[in-house]
């Protein structure tokens, strides 16, 4: 059974309760748990790609950590970022590499 996510409720539950509920129960509860349709590993690579392309670096760090936990190797993530550099922009890739270096430093 996947780990229950409570980040929405923990961080925004009082301020934006419906958003927190949708984050925890729908996005991370229902969508991420659809393993037969798409593995967590693949969802992580897609999510990292979407966050990088949008320049959402605050969320990128947490999702890179999740990608690592979901089995995405350093080499695979480096290849994803390198590939995206040509589609999303060199500065975004550079910023993403700085985050990835910290996450995969061990």
PDB file of N, CA and C in Angstrom:
ATOM      1  N   UNK A   1       0.846  -1.176   0.000  1.00  0.00           N
ATOM      2  CA  UNK A   1       0.000   0.000   0.000  1.00  0.00           C
ATOM      3  C   UNK A   1       0.895   1.243   0.000  1.00  0.00           C
ATOM      4  N   UNK A   2       0.608   2.213  -0.889  1.00  0.00           N
ATOM      5  CA  UNK A   2       1.438   3.408  -0.942  1.00  0.00           C
ATOM      6  C   UNK A   2       1.347   4.227   0.339  1.00  0.00           C
ATOM      7  N   UNK A   3       2.425   4.934   0.604  1.00  0.00           N
ATOM      8  CA  UNK A   3       2.473   5.803   1.783  1.00  0.00           C
ATOM      9  C   UNK A   3       1.425   6.909   1.651  1.00  0.00           C
ATOM     10  N   UNK A   4       0.669   7.147   2.727  1.00  0.00           N
ATOM     11  CA  UNK A   4      -0.357   8.189   2.707  1.00  0.00           C
ATOM     12  C   UNK A   4       0.316   9.549   2.761  1.00  0.00           C
ATOM     13  N   UNK A   5      -0.078  10.420   1.844  1.00  0.00           N
ATOM     14  CA  UNK A   5       0.481  11.767   1.770  1.00  0.00           C
ATOM     15  C   UNK A   5      -0.408  12.720   2.545  1.00  0.00           C
ATOM     16  N   UNK A   6       0.224  13.520   3.395  1.00  0.00           N
ATOM     17  CA  UNK A   6      -0.517  14.508   4.188  1.00  0.00           C
ATOM     18  C   UNK A   6       0.074  15.904   4.046  1.00  0.00           C
ATOM     19  N   UNK A   7       0.961  16.098   3.083  1.00  0.00           N
ATOM     20  CA  UNK A   7       1.631  17.393   2.933  1.00  0.00           C
ATOM     21  C   UNK A   7       0.642  18.524   2.718  1.00  0.00           C
ATOM     22  N   UNK A   8      -0.376  18.283   1.915  1.00  0.00           N
ATOM     23  CA  UNK A   8      -1.373  19.324   1.679  1.00  0.00           C
ATOM     24  C   UNK A   8      -2.052  19.756   2.958  1.00  0.00           C
ATOM     25  N   UNK A   9      -2.514  18.789   3.720  1.00  0.00           N
ATOM     26  CA  UNK A   9      -3.186  19.104   4.987  1.00  0.00           C
ATOM     27  C   UNK A   9      -2.213  19.720   5.987  1.00  0.00           C
ATOM     28  N   UNK A  10      -0.990  19.188   6.027  1.00  0.00           N
ATOM     29  CA  UNK A  10       0.004  19.704   6.969  1.00  0.00           C
ATOM     30  C   UNK A  10       0.373  21.156   6.672  1.00  0.00           C
ATOM     31  N   UNK A  11       0.526  21.491   5.397  1.00  0.00           N
ATOM     32  CA  UNK A  11       1.027  22.818   5.030  1.00  0.00           C
ATOM     33  C   UNK A  11      -0.073  23.822   4.688  1.00  0.00           C
ATOM     34  N   UNK A  12      -1.197  23.337   4.148  1.00  0.00           N
ATOM     35  CA  UNK A  12      -2.240  24.255   3.681  1.00  0.00           C
ATOM     36  C   UNK A  12      -3.630  23.945   4.213  1.00  0.00           C
ATOM     37  N   UNK A  13      -3.732  22.928   5.066  1.00  0.00           N
ATOM     38  CA  UNK A  13      -5.040  22.464   5.522  1.00  0.00           C
ATOM     39  C   UNK A  13      -5.934  23.527   6.120  1.00  0.00           C
ATOM     40  N   UNK A  14      -5.386  24.400   6.923  1.00  0.00           N
ATOM     41  CA  UNK A  14      -6.196  25.457   7.528  1.00  0.00           C
ATOM     42  C   UNK A  14      -6.463  26.587   6.545  1.00  0.00           C
ATOM     43  N   UNK A  15      -5.498  26.903   5.710  1.00  0.00           N
ATOM     44  CA  UNK A  15      -5.618  28.039   4.799  1.00  0.00           C
ATOM     45  C   UNK A  15      -6.449  27.700   3.560  1.00  0.00           C
ATOM     46  N   UNK A  16      -6.223  26.524   2.981  1.00  0.00           N
ATOM     47  CA  UNK A  16      -6.916  26.112   1.754  1.00  0.00           C
ATOM     48  C   UNK A  16      -7.326  24.649   1.882  1.00  0.00           C
ATOM     49  N   UNK A  17      -8.325  24.353   2.709  1.00  0.00           N
ATOM     50  CA  UNK A  17      -8.661  22.963   3.008  1.00  0.00           C
ATOM     51  C   UNK A  17      -9.064  22.117   1.798  1.00  0.00           C
ATOM     52  N   UNK A  18      -9.796  22.668   0.849  1.00  0.00           N
ATOM     53  CA  UNK A  18     -10.212  21.877  -0.318  1.00  0.00           C
ATOM     54  C   UNK A  18      -9.010  21.541  -1.190  1.00  0.00           C
ATOM     55  N   UNK A  19      -8.131  22.523  -1.408  1.00  0.00           N
ATOM     56  CA  UNK A  19      -6.913  22.279  -2.178  1.00  0.00           C
ATOM     57  C   UNK A  19      -6.077  21.196  -1.501  1.00  0.00           C
ATOM     58  N   UNK A  20      -5.946  21.278  -0.184  1.00  0.00           N
ATOM     59  CA  UNK A  20      -5.181  20.286   0.571  1.00  0.00           C
ATOM     60  C   UNK A  20      -5.791  18.894   0.411  1.00  0.00           C
ATOM     61  N   UNK A  21      -7.108  18.829   0.465  1.00  0.00           N
ATOM     62  CA  UNK A  21      -7.806  17.549   0.284  1.00  0.00           C
ATOM     63  C   UNK A  21      -7.554  16.983  -1.115  1.00  0.00           C
ATOM     64  N   UNK A  22      -7.680  17.814  -2.136  1.00  0.00           N
ATOM     65  CA  UNK A  22      -7.447  17.362  -3.511  1.00  0.00           C
ATOM     66  C   UNK A  22      -6.007  16.906  -3.699  1.00  0.00           C
ATOM     67  N   UNK A  23      -5.060  17.645  -3.127  1.00  0.00           N
ATOM     68  CA  UNK A  23      -3.648  17.284  -3.212  1.00  0.00           C
ATOM     69  C   UNK A  23      -3.402  15.905  -2.598  1.00  0.00           C
ATOM     70  N   UNK A  24      -3.857  15.722  -1.371  1.00  0.00           N
ATOM     71  CA  UNK A  24      -3.547  14.493  -0.634  1.00  0.00           C
ATOM     72  C   UNK A  24      -4.368  13.296  -1.104  1.00  0.00           C
ATOM     73  N   UNK A  25      -5.678  13.502  -1.277  1.00  0.00           N
ATOM     74  CA  UNK A  25      -6.564  12.374  -1.548  1.00  0.00           C
ATOM     75  C   UNK A  25      -6.696  12.032  -3.024  1.00  0.00           C
ATOM     76  N   UNK A  26      -6.731  13.055  -3.874  1.00  0.00           N
ATOM     77  CA  UNK A  26      -6.932  12.791  -5.298  1.00  0.00           C
ATOM     78  C   UNK A  26      -5.590  12.633  -6.014  1.00  0.00           C
ATOM     79  N   UNK A  27      -4.772  13.695  -6.017  1.00  0.00           N
ATOM     80  CA  UNK A  27      -3.504  13.618  -6.755  1.00  0.00           C
ATOM     81  C   UNK A  27      -2.608  12.502  -6.223  1.00  0.00           C
ATOM     82  N   UNK A  28      -2.276  12.577  -4.923  1.00  0.00           N
ATOM     83  CA  UNK A  28      -1.348  11.579  -4.375  1.00  0.00           C
ATOM     84  C   UNK A  28      -2.044  10.314  -3.895  1.00  0.00           C
ATOM     85  N   UNK A  29      -3.331  10.372  -3.623  1.00  0.00           N
ATOM     86  CA  UNK A  29      -4.061   9.188  -3.193  1.00  0.00           C
ATOM     87  C   UNK A  29      -4.576   8.348  -4.347  1.00  0.00           C
ATOM     88  N   UNK A  30      -5.273   8.972  -5.282  1.00  0.00           N
ATOM     89  CA  UNK A  30      -5.889   8.225  -6.379  1.00  0.00           C
ATOM     90  C   UNK A  30      -5.022   8.160  -7.637  1.00  0.00           C
ATOM     91  N   UNK A  31      -4.501   9.278  -8.077  1.00  0.00           N
ATOM     92  CA  UNK A  31      -3.766   9.298  -9.336  1.00  0.00           C
ATOM     93  C   UNK A  31      -2.433   8.557  -9.224  1.00  0.00           C
ATOM     94  N   UNK A  32      -1.631   8.901  -8.225  1.00  0.00           N
ATOM     95  CA  UNK A  32      -0.327   8.253  -8.085  1.00  0.00           C
ATOM     96  C   UNK A  32      -0.437   6.767  -7.770  1.00  0.00           C
ATOM     97  N   UNK A  33      -1.563   6.311  -7.249  1.00  0.00           N
ATOM     98  CA  UNK A  33      -1.699   4.892  -6.887  1.00  0.00           C
ATOM     99  C   UNK A  33      -2.115   4.018  -8.068  1.00  0.00           C
ATOM    100  N   UNK A  34      -2.317   4.578  -9.238  1.00  0.00           N
ATOM    101  CA  UNK A  34      -2.733   3.808 -10.417  1.00  0.00           C
ATOM    102  C   UNK A  34      -1.518   3.113 -11.045  1.00  0.00           C
ATOM    103  N   UNK A  35      -0.967   2.169 -10.318  1.00  0.00           N
ATOM    104  CA  UNK A  35       0.262   1.473 -10.718  1.00  0.00           C
ATOM    105  C   UNK A  35       0.094   0.608 -11.964  1.00  0.00           C
ATOM    106  N   UNK A  36      -1.095   0.062 -12.196  1.00  0.00           N
ATOM    107  CA  UNK A  36      -1.253  -0.797 -13.375  1.00  0.00           C
ATOM    108  C   UNK A  36      -1.255   0.018 -14.667  1.00  0.00           C
ATOM    109  N   UNK A  37      -1.648   1.291 -14.570  1.00  0.00           N
ATOM    110  CA  UNK A  37      -1.657   2.149 -15.746  1.00  0.00           C
ATOM    111  C   UNK A  37      -0.291   2.765 -16.029  1.00  0.00           C
ATOM    112  N   UNK A  38       0.423   3.134 -14.963  1.00  0.00           N
ATOM    113  CA  UNK A  38       1.731   3.771 -15.092  1.00  0.00           C
ATOM    114  C   UNK A  38       2.455   3.612 -13.760  1.00  0.00           C
ATOM    115  N   UNK A  39       3.686   3.153 -13.804  1.00  0.00           N
ATOM    116  CA  UNK A  39       4.427   2.919 -12.559  1.00  0.00           C
ATOM    117  C   UNK A  39       4.768   4.236 -11.862  1.00  0.00           C
ATOM    118  N   UNK A  40       5.031   4.145 -10.575  1.00  0.00           N
ATOM    119  CA  UNK A  40       5.458   5.325  -9.815  1.00  0.00           C
ATOM    120  C   UNK A  40       6.768   5.876 -10.358  1.00  0.00           C
ATOM    121  N   UNK A  41       7.637   4.995 -10.804  1.00  0.00           N
ATOM    122  CA  UNK A  41       8.917   5.407 -11.385  1.00  0.00           C
ATOM    123  C   UNK A  41       8.673   6.264 -12.627  1.00  0.00           C
ATOM    124  N   UNK A  42       7.799   5.793 -13.503  1.00  0.00           N
ATOM    125  CA  UNK A  42       7.491   6.557 -14.717  1.00  0.00           C
ATOM    126  C   UNK A  42       6.765   7.856 -14.384  1.00  0.00           C
ATOM    127  N   UNK A  43       5.847   7.805 -13.429  1.00  0.00           N
ATOM    128  CA  UNK A  43       5.151   9.031 -13.018  1.00  0.00           C
ATOM    129  C   UNK A  43       6.147  10.055 -12.476  1.00  0.00           C
ATOM    130  N   UNK A  44       7.146   9.571 -11.740  1.00  0.00           N
ATOM    131  CA  UNK A  44       8.171  10.478 -11.222  1.00  0.00           C
ATOM    132  C   UNK A  44       8.942  11.150 -12.345  1.00  0.00           C
ATOM    133  N   UNK A  45       9.335  10.387 -13.361  1.00  0.00           N
ATOM    134  CA  UNK A  45      10.082  10.973 -14.475  1.00  0.00           C
ATOM    135  C   UNK A  45       9.222  11.992 -15.228  1.00  0.00           C
ATOM    136  N   UNK A  46       7.952  11.691 -15.394  1.00  0.00           N
ATOM    137  CA  UNK A  46       7.041  12.622 -16.063  1.00  0.00           C
ATOM    138  C   UNK A  46       6.856  13.878 -15.225  1.00  0.00           C
ATOM    139  N   UNK A  47       6.685  13.709 -13.925  1.00  0.00           N
ATOM    140  CA  UNK A  47       6.467  14.852 -13.037  1.00  0.00           C
ATOM    141  C   UNK A  47       7.695  15.740 -12.985  1.00  0.00           C
ATOM    142  N   UNK A  48       8.870  15.147 -12.867  1.00  0.00           N
ATOM    143  CA  UNK A  48      10.110  15.931 -12.876  1.00  0.00           C
ATOM    144  C   UNK A  48      10.216  16.710 -14.188  1.00  0.00           C
ATOM    145  N   UNK A  49       9.889  16.067 -15.288  1.00  0.00           N
ATOM    146  CA  UNK A  49       9.948  16.739 -16.589  1.00  0.00           C
ATOM    147  C   UNK A  49       8.978  17.914 -16.656  1.00  0.00           C
ATOM    148  N   UNK A  50       7.771  17.711 -16.172  1.00  0.00           N
ATOM    149  CA  UNK A  50       6.771  18.786 -16.197  1.00  0.00           C
ATOM    150  C   UNK A  50       7.190  19.944 -15.304  1.00  0.00           C
ATOM    151  N   UNK A  51       7.690  19.639 -14.116  1.00  0.00           N
ATOM    152  CA  UNK A  51       8.106  20.701 -13.198  1.00  0.00           C
ATOM    153  C   UNK A  51       9.297  21.474 -13.745  1.00  0.00           C
ATOM    154  N   UNK A  52      10.272  20.764 -14.313  1.00  0.00           N
ATOM    155  CA  UNK A  52      11.429  21.427 -14.908  1.00  0.00           C
ATOM    156  C   UNK A  52      10.976  22.321 -16.056  1.00  0.00           C
ATOM    157  N   UNK A  53      10.124  21.813 -16.923  1.00  0.00           N
ATOM    158  CA  UNK A  53       9.715  22.601 -18.090  1.00  0.00           C
ATOM    159  C   UNK A  53       8.960  23.858 -17.683  1.00  0.00           C
ATOM    160  N   UNK A  54       8.226  23.784 -16.580  1.00  0.00           N
ATOM    161  CA  UNK A  54       7.497  24.950 -16.106  1.00  0.00           C
ATOM    162  C   UNK A  54       8.318  25.861 -15.213  1.00  0.00           C
ATOM    163  N   UNK A  55       9.548  25.450 -14.897  1.00  0.00           N
ATOM    164  CA  UNK A  55      10.391  26.252 -14.017  1.00  0.00           C
ATOM    165  C   UNK A  55       9.928  26.239 -12.568  1.00  0.00           C
ATOM    166  N   UNK A  56       9.261  25.176 -12.165  1.00  0.00           N
ATOM    167  CA  UNK A  56       8.724  25.046 -10.808  1.00  0.00           C
ATOM    168  C   UNK A  56       9.751  24.367  -9.901  1.00  0.00           C
ATOM    169  N   UNK A  57      10.822  25.090  -9.614  1.00  0.00           N
ATOM    170  CA  UNK A  57      11.957  24.496  -8.909  1.00  0.00           C
ATOM    171  C   UNK A  57      11.689  24.249  -7.431  1.00  0.00           C
ATOM    172  N   UNK A  58      10.773  24.972  -6.826  1.00  0.00           N
ATOM    173  CA  UNK A  58      10.446  24.717  -5.420  1.00  0.00           C
ATOM    174  C   UNK A  58       9.866  23.313  -5.258  1.00  0.00           C
ATOM    175  N   UNK A  59       9.014  22.896  -6.168  1.00  0.00           N
ATOM    176  CA  UNK A  59       8.431  21.558  -6.115  1.00  0.00           C
ATOM    177  C   UNK A  59       9.368  20.503  -6.707  1.00  0.00           C
ATOM    178  N   UNK A  60      10.276  20.925  -7.571  1.00  0.00           N
ATOM    179  CA  UNK A  60      11.161  19.985  -8.253  1.00  0.00           C
ATOM    180  C   UNK A  60      12.033  19.207  -7.273  1.00  0.00           C
ATOM    181  N   UNK A  61      12.532  19.851  -6.247  1.00  0.00           N
ATOM    182  CA  UNK A  61      13.411  19.169  -5.296  1.00  0.00           C
ATOM    183  C   UNK A  61      12.711  17.971  -4.655  1.00  0.00           C
ATOM    184  N   UNK A  62      11.517  18.181  -4.142  1.00  0.00           N
ATOM    185  CA  UNK A  62      10.781  17.079  -3.514  1.00  0.00           C
ATOM    186  C   UNK A  62      10.466  15.955  -4.485  1.00  0.00           C
ATOM    187  N   UNK A  63      10.142  16.323  -5.707  1.00  0.00           N
ATOM    188  CA  UNK A  63       9.819  15.284  -6.696  1.00  0.00           C
ATOM    189  C   UNK A  63      11.056  14.572  -7.207  1.00  0.00           C
ATOM    190  N   UNK A  64      12.201  15.226  -7.184  1.00  0.00           N
ATOM    191  CA  UNK A  64      13.439  14.514  -7.515  1.00  0.00           C
ATOM    192  C   UNK A  64      13.779  13.511  -6.417  1.00  0.00           C
ATOM    193  N   UNK A  65      13.548  13.884  -5.179  1.00  0.00           N
ATOM    194  CA  UNK A  65      13.780  12.942  -4.076  1.00  0.00           C
ATOM    195  C   UNK A  65      12.829  11.749  -4.208  1.00  0.00           C
ATOM    196  N   UNK A  66      11.587  12.019  -4.565  1.00  0.00           N
ATOM    197  CA  UNK A  66      10.604  10.949  -4.778  1.00  0.00           C
ATOM    198  C   UNK A  66      11.025  10.079  -5.962  1.00  0.00           C
ATOM    199  N   UNK A  67      11.545  10.702  -7.029  1.00  0.00           N
ATOM    200  CA  UNK A  67      12.008   9.944  -8.190  1.00  0.00           C
ATOM    201  C   UNK A  67      13.134   8.988  -7.796  1.00  0.00           C
ATOM    202  N   UNK A  68      14.057   9.484  -7.004  1.00  0.00           N
ATOM    203  CA  UNK A  68      15.157   8.632  -6.536  1.00  0.00           C
ATOM    204  C   UNK A  68      14.602   7.465  -5.725  1.00  0.00           C
ATOM    205  N   UNK A  69      13.664   7.752  -4.828  1.00  0.00           N
ATOM    206  CA  UNK A  69      13.047   6.693  -4.017  1.00  0.00           C
ATOM    207  C   UNK A  69      12.264   5.718  -4.889  1.00  0.00           C
ATOM    208  N   UNK A  70      11.757   6.194  -6.011  1.00  0.00           N
ATOM    209  CA  UNK A  70      10.985   5.341  -6.922  1.00  0.00           C
ATOM    210  C   UNK A  70      11.873   4.612  -7.929  1.00  0.00           C
ATOM    211  N   UNK A  71      13.192   4.711  -7.776  1.00  0.00           N
ATOM    212  CA  UNK A  71      14.107   3.919  -8.591  1.00  0.00           C
ATOM    213  C   UNK A  71      14.721   4.614  -9.787  1.00  0.00           C
ATOM    214  N   UNK A  72      14.498   5.910  -9.952  1.00  0.00           N
ATOM    215  CA  UNK A  72      15.136   6.636 -11.043  1.00  0.00           C
ATOM    216  C   UNK A  72      16.603   6.840 -10.668  1.00  0.00           C
ATOM    217  N   UNK A  73      17.492   6.334 -11.500  1.00  0.00           N
ATOM    218  CA  UNK A  73      18.924   6.437 -11.205  1.00  0.00           C
ATOM    219  C   UNK A  73      19.454   7.827 -11.537  1.00  0.00           C
ATOM    220  N   UNK A  74      20.624   8.116 -11.001  1.00  0.00           N
ATOM    221  CA  UNK A  74      21.296   9.388 -11.299  1.00  0.00           C
ATOM    222  C   UNK A  74      21.512   9.513 -12.801  1.00  0.00           C
ATOM    223  N   UNK A  75      21.968   8.447 -13.425  1.00  0.00           N
ATOM    224  CA  UNK A  75      22.253   8.467 -14.850  1.00  0.00           C
ATOM    225  C   UNK A  75      20.996   8.739 -15.674  1.00  0.00           C
ATOM    226  N   UNK A  76      19.892   8.138 -15.259  1.00  0.00           N
ATOM    227  CA  UNK A  76      18.629   8.385 -15.964  1.00  0.00           C
ATOM    228  C   UNK A  76      18.165   9.831 -15.796  1.00  0.00           C
ATOM    229  N   UNK A  77      18.276  10.351 -14.587  1.00  0.00           N
ATOM    230  CA  UNK A  77      17.846  11.724 -14.345  1.00  0.00           C
ATOM    231  C   UNK A  77      18.731  12.710 -15.107  1.00  0.00           C
ATOM    232  N   UNK A  78      20.031  12.449 -15.157  1.00  0.00           N
ATOM    233  CA  UNK A  78      20.945  13.294 -15.926  1.00  0.00           C
ATOM    234  C   UNK A  78      20.528  13.287 -17.395  1.00  0.00           C
ATOM    235  N   UNK A  79      20.169  12.139 -17.919  1.00  0.00           N
ATOM    236  CA  UNK A  79      19.750  12.051 -19.315  1.00  0.00           C
ATOM    237  C   UNK A  79      18.439  12.785 -19.558  1.00  0.00           C
ATOM    238  N   UNK A  80      17.502  12.675 -18.620  1.00  0.00           N
ATOM    239  CA  UNK A  80      16.226  13.392 -18.730  1.00  0.00           C
ATOM    240  C   UNK A  80      16.480  14.895 -18.766  1.00  0.00           C
ATOM    241  N   UNK A  81      17.289  15.391 -17.841  1.00  0.00           N
ATOM    242  CA  UNK A  81      17.564  16.828 -17.770  1.00  0.00           C
ATOM    243  C   UNK A  81      18.301  17.300 -19.023  1.00  0.00           C
ATOM    244  N   UNK A  82      19.275  16.529 -19.476  1.00  0.00           N
ATOM    245  CA  UNK A  82      20.017  16.889 -20.686  1.00  0.00           C
ATOM    246  C   UNK A  82      19.081  16.960 -21.884  1.00  0.00           C
ATOM    247  N   UNK A  83      18.214  15.993 -22.028  1.00  0.00           N
ATOM    248  CA  UNK A  83      17.252  15.971 -23.125  1.00  0.00           C
ATOM    249  C   UNK A  83      16.328  17.188 -23.052  1.00  0.00           C
ATOM    250  N   UNK A  84      15.840  17.484 -21.860  1.00  0.00           N
ATOM    251  CA  UNK A  84      14.913  18.604 -21.683  1.00  0.00           C
ATOM    252  C   UNK A  84      15.583  19.954 -21.905  1.00  0.00           C
ATOM    253  N   UNK A  85      16.880  20.028 -21.734  1.00  0.00           N
ATOM    254  CA  UNK A  85      17.588  21.294 -21.937  1.00  0.00           C
ATOM    255  C   UNK A  85      17.314  21.857 -23.325  1.00  0.00           C
ATOM    256  N   UNK A  86      17.194  20.988 -24.304  1.00  0.00           N
ATOM    257  CA  UNK A  86      16.992  21.420 -25.678  1.00  0.00           C
ATOM    258  C   UNK A  86      15.545  21.791 -25.979  1.00  0.00           C
ATOM    259  N   UNK A  87      14.631  21.336 -25.160  1.00  0.00           N
ATOM    260  CA  UNK A  87      13.213  21.619 -25.365  1.00  0.00           C
ATOM    261  C   UNK A  87      12.671  22.684 -24.421  1.00  0.00           C
ATOM    262  N   UNK A  88      13.260  22.782 -23.237  1.00  0.00           N
ATOM    263  CA  UNK A  88      12.717  23.657 -22.191  1.00  0.00           C
ATOM    264  C   UNK A  88      13.616  24.829 -21.849  1.00  0.00           C
ATOM    265  N   UNK A  89      14.865  24.737 -22.225  1.00  0.00           N
ATOM    266  CA  UNK A  89      15.784  25.836 -21.972  1.00  0.00           C
ATOM    267  C   UNK A  89      16.987  25.440 -21.141  1.00  0.00           C
ATOM    268  N   UNK A  90      18.112  25.952 -21.563  1.00  0.00           N
ATOM    269  CA  UNK A  90      19.383  25.659 -20.898  1.00  0.00           C
ATOM    270  C   UNK A  90      19.399  26.128 -19.453  1.00  0.00           C
ATOM    271  N   UNK A  91      18.930  27.352 -19.150  1.00  0.00           N
ATOM    272  CA  UNK A  91      18.952  27.803 -17.759  1.00  0.00           C
ATOM    273  C   UNK A  91      18.103  26.924 -16.830  1.00  0.00           C
ATOM    274  N   UNK A  92      16.972  26.447 -17.313  1.00  0.00           N
ATOM    275  CA  UNK A  92      16.148  25.560 -16.486  1.00  0.00           C
ATOM    276  C   UNK A  92      16.884  24.255 -16.210  1.00  0.00           C
ATOM    277  N   UNK A  93      17.539  23.721 -17.227  1.00  0.00           N
ATOM    278  CA  UNK A  93      18.301  22.478 -17.038  1.00  0.00           C
ATOM    279  C   UNK A  93      19.444  22.709 -16.053  1.00  0.00           C
ATOM    280  N   UNK A  94      20.130  23.823 -16.186  1.00  0.00           N
ATOM    281  CA  UNK A  94      21.235  24.137 -15.281  1.00  0.00           C
ATOM    282  C   UNK A  94      20.734  24.183 -13.839  1.00  0.00           C
ATOM    283  N   UNK A  95      19.613  24.851 -13.626  1.00  0.00           N
ATOM    284  CA  UNK A  95      19.026  24.934 -12.281  1.00  0.00           C
ATOM    285  C   UNK A  95      18.632  23.551 -11.773  1.00  0.00           C
ATOM    286  N   UNK A  96      18.068  22.738 -12.650  1.00  0.00           N
ATOM    287  CA  UNK A  96      17.662  21.383 -12.263  1.00  0.00           C
ATOM    288  C   UNK A  96      18.872  20.527 -11.893  1.00  0.00           C
ATOM    289  N   UNK A  97      19.971  20.687 -12.641  1.00  0.00           N
ATOM    290  CA  UNK A  97      21.183  19.933 -12.310  1.00  0.00           C
ATOM    291  C   UNK A  97      21.696  20.291 -10.916  1.00  0.00           C
ATOM    292  N   UNK A  98      21.612  21.549 -10.539  1.00  0.00           N
ATOM    293  CA  UNK A  98      22.063  21.942  -9.201  1.00  0.00           C
ATOM    294  C   UNK A  98      21.235  21.260  -8.123  1.00  0.00           C
ATOM    295  N   UNK A  99      19.952  21.087  -8.365  1.00  0.00           N
ATOM    296  CA  UNK A  99      19.094  20.375  -7.414  1.00  0.00           C
ATOM    297  C   UNK A  99      19.437  18.889  -7.414  1.00  0.00           C
ATOM    298  N   UNK A 100      19.560  18.312  -8.599  1.00  0.00           N
ATOM    299  CA  UNK A 100      19.841  16.878  -8.728  1.00  0.00           C
ATOM    300  C   UNK A 100      21.181  16.494  -8.093  1.00  0.00           C
ATOM    301  N   UNK A 101      22.194  17.364  -8.251  1.00  0.00           N
ATOM    302  CA  UNK A 101      23.504  17.075  -7.650  1.00  0.00           C
ATOM    303  C   UNK A 101      23.392  16.882  -6.145  1.00  0.00           C
ATOM    304  N   UNK A 102      22.576  17.671  -5.489  1.00  0.00           N
ATOM    305  CA  UNK A 102      22.407  17.546  -4.039  1.00  0.00           C
ATOM    306  C   UNK A 102      21.671  16.258  -3.674  1.00  0.00           C
ATOM    307  N   UNK A 103      20.695  15.899  -4.459  1.00  0.00           N
ATOM    308  CA  UNK A 103      19.886  14.723  -4.152  1.00  0.00           C
ATOM    309  C   UNK A 103      20.648  13.425  -4.420  1.00  0.00           C
ATOM    310  N   UNK A 104      21.463  13.414  -5.446  1.00  0.00           N
ATOM    311  CA  UNK A 104      22.193  12.201  -5.818  1.00  0.00           C
ATOM    312  C   UNK A 104      23.659  12.253  -5.408  1.00  0.00           C
ATOM    313  N   UNK A 105      24.009  13.056  -4.413  1.00  0.00           N
ATOM    314  CA  UNK A 105      25.433  13.196  -4.052  1.00  0.00           C
ATOM    315  C   UNK A 105      26.005  11.989  -3.338  1.00  0.00           C
ATOM    316  N   UNK A 106      25.186  11.115  -2.826  1.00  0.00           N
ATOM    317  CA  UNK A 106      25.724   9.939  -2.111  1.00  0.00           C
ATOM    318  C   UNK A 106      25.988   8.758  -2.996  1.00  0.00           C
TER     319      UNK A 106
END
